[in-house]
Amino acid sequence: MIWPTDELTRFEVARLVGARSLQISLGAPILIQSEEKDPIEVAKLEFKNNIIPITIKRKFPSGEYIVIDVKAGIENWIKSHSGEI
């Protein structure tokens, strides 16, 4: 089965939030106005507002890569999981 390119797996969501929180903790600019100081919580807020500036390339066993539509994936995740991460 090939996973749709506009849906994220739970592993991709964890990777997005984790990678973005690492970027924030290392001094990357925060893309959302918030009083929150914890990098993980800031990354979750950015995820919920669909402004995470990261691209996902999904690799298949054949060695082929496809680029995932992260914006549509986040929107679908929020709809199907009631906004929970």
N, C-alpha and C. Protein backbone atom coordinates (compact mmCIF):
# COMPACT_ATOMS: atom_id res chain seq x y z
N MET A 1 0.84 -1.19 0.00
CA MET A 1 0.00 0.00 0.00
C MET A 1 0.88 1.24 0.00
N ILE A 2 0.54 2.19 -0.82
CA ILE A 2 1.26 3.46 -0.85
C ILE A 2 0.42 4.49 -0.10
N TRP A 3 1.04 5.12 0.87
CA TRP A 3 0.36 6.13 1.67
C TRP A 3 0.11 7.36 0.81
N PRO A 4 -1.07 7.99 0.89
CA PRO A 4 -1.37 9.18 0.09
C PRO A 4 -0.40 10.33 0.37
N THR A 5 -0.13 11.13 -0.64
CA THR A 5 0.85 12.21 -0.48
C THR A 5 0.29 13.41 0.26
N ASP A 6 -1.01 13.43 0.55
CA ASP A 6 -1.58 14.54 1.31
C ASP A 6 -2.00 14.12 2.72
N GLU A 7 -1.47 13.00 3.19
CA GLU A 7 -1.70 12.55 4.56
C GLU A 7 -0.36 12.23 5.21
N LEU A 8 -0.24 12.62 6.47
CA LEU A 8 0.99 12.37 7.21
C LEU A 8 0.82 11.17 8.12
N THR A 9 1.89 10.41 8.29
CA THR A 9 1.88 9.33 9.26
C THR A 9 2.17 9.92 10.63
N ARG A 10 1.90 9.17 11.68
CA ARG A 10 2.20 9.66 13.03
C ARG A 10 3.69 9.87 13.22
N PHE A 11 4.49 9.10 12.50
CA PHE A 11 5.94 9.24 12.60
C PHE A 11 6.41 10.54 11.94
N GLU A 12 5.78 10.89 10.83
CA GLU A 12 6.12 12.14 10.16
C GLU A 12 5.71 13.35 10.99
N VAL A 13 4.57 13.26 11.67
CA VAL A 13 4.13 14.35 12.54
C VAL A 13 5.12 14.52 13.69
N ALA A 14 5.52 13.42 14.29
CA ALA A 14 6.50 13.48 15.39
C ALA A 14 7.82 14.06 14.89
N ARG A 15 8.23 13.66 13.70
CA ARG A 15 9.48 14.17 13.14
C ARG A 15 9.39 15.66 12.83
N LEU A 16 8.25 16.11 12.30
CA LEU A 16 8.06 17.53 12.01
C LEU A 16 8.16 18.37 13.28
N VAL A 17 7.41 17.98 14.29
CA VAL A 17 7.40 18.75 15.53
C VAL A 17 8.76 18.68 16.22
N GLY A 18 9.37 17.52 16.23
CA GLY A 18 10.68 17.37 16.86
C GLY A 18 11.77 18.16 16.15
N ALA A 19 11.79 18.09 14.82
CA ALA A 19 12.81 18.82 14.06
C ALA A 19 12.63 20.32 14.20
N ARG A 20 11.37 20.77 14.17
CA ARG A 20 11.11 22.20 14.31
C ARG A 20 11.47 22.69 15.71
N SER A 21 11.17 21.90 16.74
CA SER A 21 11.52 22.31 18.10
C SER A 21 13.03 22.37 18.28
N LEU A 22 13.77 21.47 17.64
CA LEU A 22 15.23 21.53 17.68
C LEU A 22 15.73 22.81 17.01
N GLN A 23 15.16 23.14 15.86
CA GLN A 23 15.54 24.38 15.18
C GLN A 23 15.31 25.58 16.09
N ILE A 24 14.15 25.62 16.73
CA ILE A 24 13.82 26.75 17.62
C ILE A 24 14.79 26.82 18.79
N SER A 25 15.11 25.67 19.38
CA SER A 25 16.02 25.66 20.53
C SER A 25 17.43 26.09 20.14
N LEU A 26 17.78 25.93 18.86
CA LEU A 26 19.10 26.34 18.39
C LEU A 26 19.11 27.77 17.86
N GLY A 27 17.99 28.49 18.00
CA GLY A 27 17.96 29.91 17.66
C GLY A 27 17.25 30.28 16.38
N ALA A 28 16.53 29.37 15.76
CA ALA A 28 15.78 29.71 14.54
C ALA A 28 14.65 30.68 14.92
N PRO A 29 14.28 31.55 13.98
CA PRO A 29 13.20 32.49 14.28
C PRO A 29 11.87 31.77 14.50
N ILE A 30 11.11 32.26 15.46
CA ILE A 30 9.79 31.70 15.76
C ILE A 30 8.80 32.37 14.82
N LEU A 31 7.95 31.58 14.17
CA LEU A 31 7.07 32.07 13.13
C LEU A 31 5.66 32.39 13.61
N ILE A 32 5.46 32.37 14.92
CA ILE A 32 4.13 32.63 15.48
C ILE A 32 4.29 33.47 16.74
N GLN A 33 3.34 34.35 16.97
CA GLN A 33 3.35 35.16 18.18
C GLN A 33 2.79 34.33 19.32
N SER A 34 3.58 34.18 20.39
CA SER A 34 3.14 33.39 21.52
C SER A 34 3.96 33.76 22.75
N GLU A 35 3.33 33.60 23.90
CA GLU A 35 4.03 33.81 25.16
C GLU A 35 4.78 32.55 25.57
N GLU A 36 4.55 31.46 24.88
CA GLU A 36 5.17 30.16 25.20
C GLU A 36 6.68 30.23 24.97
N LYS A 37 7.44 29.66 25.89
CA LYS A 37 8.90 29.65 25.79
C LYS A 37 9.47 28.27 25.48
N ASP A 38 8.72 27.22 25.76
CA ASP A 38 9.18 25.85 25.53
C ASP A 38 9.20 25.57 24.02
N PRO A 39 10.36 25.20 23.45
CA PRO A 39 10.46 24.98 22.00
C PRO A 39 9.47 23.93 21.47
N ILE A 40 9.19 22.90 22.25
CA ILE A 40 8.26 21.87 21.80
C ILE A 40 6.85 22.43 21.70
N GLU A 41 6.44 23.22 22.67
CA GLU A 41 5.10 23.81 22.64
C GLU A 41 4.98 24.84 21.51
N VAL A 42 6.05 25.59 21.26
CA VAL A 42 6.04 26.55 20.15
C VAL A 42 5.92 25.80 18.82
N ALA A 43 6.65 24.70 18.68
CA ALA A 43 6.57 23.90 17.46
C ALA A 43 5.17 23.31 17.28
N LYS A 44 4.54 22.90 18.37
CA LYS A 44 3.16 22.39 18.28
C LYS A 44 2.20 23.48 17.84
N LEU A 45 2.39 24.70 18.35
CA LEU A 45 1.54 25.81 17.94
C LEU A 45 1.74 26.13 16.46
N GLU A 46 2.99 26.10 16.00
CA GLU A 46 3.26 26.31 14.58
C GLU A 46 2.61 25.22 13.74
N PHE A 47 2.65 23.99 14.22
CA PHE A 47 2.01 22.87 13.52
C PHE A 47 0.50 23.11 13.42
N LYS A 48 -0.12 23.46 14.54
CA LYS A 48 -1.56 23.68 14.55
C LYS A 48 -1.97 24.84 13.65
N ASN A 49 -1.07 25.81 13.46
CA ASN A 49 -1.36 26.95 12.58
C ASN A 49 -0.83 26.75 11.17
N ASN A 50 -0.31 25.55 10.90
CA ASN A 50 0.13 25.14 9.56
C ASN A 50 1.21 26.05 8.98
N ILE A 51 2.21 26.38 9.79
CA ILE A 51 3.29 27.23 9.30
C ILE A 51 4.67 26.64 9.57
N ILE A 52 4.78 25.33 9.55
CA ILE A 52 6.08 24.68 9.75
C ILE A 52 6.84 24.69 8.42
N PRO A 53 8.03 25.31 8.38
CA PRO A 53 8.77 25.44 7.12
C PRO A 53 9.70 24.25 6.85
N ILE A 54 9.15 23.06 6.81
CA ILE A 54 9.95 21.85 6.60
C ILE A 54 9.33 21.04 5.46
N THR A 55 10.17 20.41 4.66
CA THR A 55 9.71 19.56 3.57
C THR A 55 9.97 18.11 3.93
N ILE A 56 9.04 17.24 3.56
CA ILE A 56 9.20 15.80 3.82
C ILE A 56 9.40 15.09 2.49
N LYS A 57 10.45 14.28 2.42
CA LYS A 57 10.68 13.40 1.28
C LYS A 57 10.49 11.97 1.77
N ARG A 58 9.51 11.28 1.20
CA ARG A 58 9.21 9.91 1.61
C ARG A 58 9.95 8.95 0.68
N LYS A 59 10.70 8.02 1.26
CA LYS A 59 11.49 7.07 0.48
C LYS A 59 10.77 5.72 0.42
N PHE A 60 10.74 5.13 -0.77
CA PHE A 60 10.14 3.83 -0.98
C PHE A 60 11.22 2.75 -1.01
N PRO A 61 10.84 1.49 -0.81
CA PRO A 61 11.82 0.40 -0.85
C PRO A 61 12.58 0.32 -2.18
N SER A 62 11.96 0.83 -3.25
CA SER A 62 12.63 0.80 -4.55
C SER A 62 13.74 1.84 -4.66
N GLY A 63 13.83 2.73 -3.65
CA GLY A 63 14.83 3.79 -3.68
C GLY A 63 14.29 5.10 -4.20
N GLU A 64 13.06 5.08 -4.67
CA GLU A 64 12.41 6.27 -5.22
C GLU A 64 11.95 7.19 -4.07
N TYR A 65 12.00 8.50 -4.29
CA TYR A 65 11.53 9.48 -3.32
C TYR A 65 10.34 10.23 -3.90
N ILE A 66 9.42 10.64 -3.01
CA ILE A 66 8.39 11.58 -3.40
C ILE A 66 8.35 12.69 -2.36
N VAL A 67 8.00 13.87 -2.78
CA VAL A 67 7.90 15.00 -1.87
C VAL A 67 6.45 15.10 -1.41
N ILE A 68 6.27 15.21 -0.11
CA ILE A 68 4.94 15.25 0.49
C ILE A 68 4.45 16.69 0.57
N ASP A 69 3.16 16.90 0.31
CA ASP A 69 2.54 18.21 0.46
C ASP A 69 2.26 18.42 1.95
N VAL A 70 3.18 19.08 2.64
CA VAL A 70 3.11 19.21 4.09
C VAL A 70 1.91 20.06 4.52
N LYS A 71 1.62 21.13 3.81
CA LYS A 71 0.49 21.99 4.17
C LYS A 71 -0.82 21.21 4.15
N ALA A 72 -1.07 20.46 3.07
CA ALA A 72 -2.29 19.65 2.97
C ALA A 72 -2.27 18.54 4.00
N GLY A 73 -1.10 17.96 4.25
CA GLY A 73 -0.98 16.90 5.25
C GLY A 73 -1.32 17.37 6.64
N ILE A 74 -0.86 18.56 7.00
CA ILE A 74 -1.16 19.11 8.32
C ILE A 74 -2.65 19.41 8.43
N GLU A 75 -3.23 19.99 7.39
CA GLU A 75 -4.68 20.27 7.40
C GLU A 75 -5.48 18.98 7.59
N ASN A 76 -5.12 17.94 6.86
CA ASN A 76 -5.81 16.66 7.00
C ASN A 76 -5.62 16.05 8.38
N TRP A 77 -4.41 16.17 8.93
CA TRP A 77 -4.13 15.64 10.27
C TRP A 77 -5.01 16.35 11.30
N ILE A 78 -5.07 17.67 11.23
CA ILE A 78 -5.85 18.45 12.19
C ILE A 78 -7.33 18.09 12.09
N LYS A 79 -7.83 17.92 10.87
CA LYS A 79 -9.25 17.57 10.69
C LYS A 79 -9.54 16.18 11.26
N SER A 80 -8.69 15.21 10.96
CA SER A 80 -8.96 13.84 11.37
C SER A 80 -8.63 13.55 12.84
N HIS A 81 -7.84 14.41 13.47
CA HIS A 81 -7.46 14.19 14.87
C HIS A 81 -7.97 15.29 15.80
N SER A 82 -8.94 16.04 15.35
CA SER A 82 -9.58 17.10 16.15
C SER A 82 -8.58 18.11 16.70
N GLY A 83 -7.53 18.40 15.94
CA GLY A 83 -6.55 19.39 16.33
C GLY A 83 -5.50 18.91 17.32
N GLU A 84 -5.55 17.65 17.70
CA GLU A 84 -4.59 17.11 18.66
C GLU A 84 -3.33 16.63 17.97
N ILE A 85 -2.22 16.80 18.67
CA ILE A 85 -0.94 16.32 18.14
C ILE A 85 -0.48 15.16 19.00
